[in-house]
Amino acid sequence: MMLEDLVNHAVDKKNFQTIQNYISFCRKYFDNFFYRDIWNLLSSQGQSLEEVEIEESENKESE
């Protein structure tokens, strides 16, 4: 899927009539762009997903 396809899908309001439509769109975005971009970013820095340490946010809400 190309970015143009995703944008064309997003601008058509008929594609977002149910919550399932929104979920489907998000999955398409994550599957086709987000993960690829993360992979490319890590690869360009010589890292893999296993090497990345995720830090906790400093802006946690009070419990």
Protein backbone atom coordinates (compact mmCIF):
# COMPACT_ATOMS: atom_id res chain seq x y z
CA MET A 1 0.00 0.00 0.00
CA MET A 2 1.26 3.42 -0.92
CA LEU A 3 0.78 6.57 1.16
CA GLU A 4 -1.43 7.99 -1.59
CA ASP A 5 -3.78 4.98 -1.23
CA LEU A 6 -4.00 5.51 2.52
CA VAL A 7 -4.71 9.23 2.11
CA ASN A 8 -7.39 8.55 -0.51
CA HIS A 9 -9.03 6.11 1.88
CA ALA A 10 -8.81 8.59 4.77
CA VAL A 11 -10.49 11.50 2.99
CA ASP A 12 -13.61 9.48 2.11
CA LYS A 13 -16.01 9.82 5.05
CA LYS A 14 -17.90 6.71 3.90
CA ASN A 15 -14.89 4.67 5.05
CA PHE A 16 -15.39 5.73 8.69
CA GLN A 17 -18.97 4.90 9.57
CA THR A 18 -18.21 2.36 12.30
CA ILE A 19 -15.57 1.88 14.96
CA GLN A 20 -14.38 -1.18 13.01
CA ASN A 21 -13.65 1.13 10.06
CA TYR A 22 -11.39 3.26 12.27
CA ILE A 23 -9.63 0.18 13.63
CA SER A 24 -9.07 -1.14 10.13
CA PHE A 25 -7.57 2.18 9.03
CA CYS A 26 -5.23 2.26 12.02
CA ARG A 27 -4.07 -1.28 11.30
CA LYS A 28 -3.34 -0.37 7.69
CA TYR A 29 -1.30 2.62 8.85
CA PHE A 30 0.66 0.67 11.45
CA ASP A 31 1.25 -2.33 9.20
CA ASN A 32 2.36 -0.30 6.20
CA PHE A 33 4.08 2.77 7.60
CA PHE A 34 4.68 2.96 11.33
CA TYR A 35 6.55 -0.34 11.75
CA ARG A 36 8.53 0.20 8.56
CA ASP A 37 9.56 3.69 9.71
CA ILE A 38 10.58 2.43 13.16
CA TRP A 39 12.56 -0.40 11.56
CA ASN A 40 14.32 2.02 9.19
CA LEU A 41 15.13 4.42 12.04
CA LEU A 42 16.61 1.67 14.20
CA SER A 43 18.51 0.14 11.30
CA SER A 44 20.02 3.50 10.38
CA GLN A 45 21.36 3.75 13.94
CA GLY A 46 22.67 0.19 13.92
CA GLN A 47 20.11 -1.04 16.45
CA SER A 48 17.51 -3.77 16.52
CA LEU A 49 14.22 -3.89 18.39
CA GLU A 50 15.76 -6.19 20.99
CA GLU A 51 18.39 -3.56 21.83
CA VAL A 52 15.99 -0.66 22.35
CA GLU A 53 15.20 0.24 25.94
CA ILE A 54 11.89 2.00 26.40
CA GLU A 55 12.02 4.64 29.11
CA GLU A 56 9.05 5.42 31.32
CA SER A 57 7.45 8.81 30.82
CA GLU A 58 8.29 11.49 33.36
CA ASN A 59 4.77 12.88 33.01
CA LYS A 60 2.91 10.01 34.67
CA GLU A 61 -0.43 10.88 36.19
CA SER A 62 -0.79 10.57 39.96
CA GLU A 63 -2.49 7.41 41.10
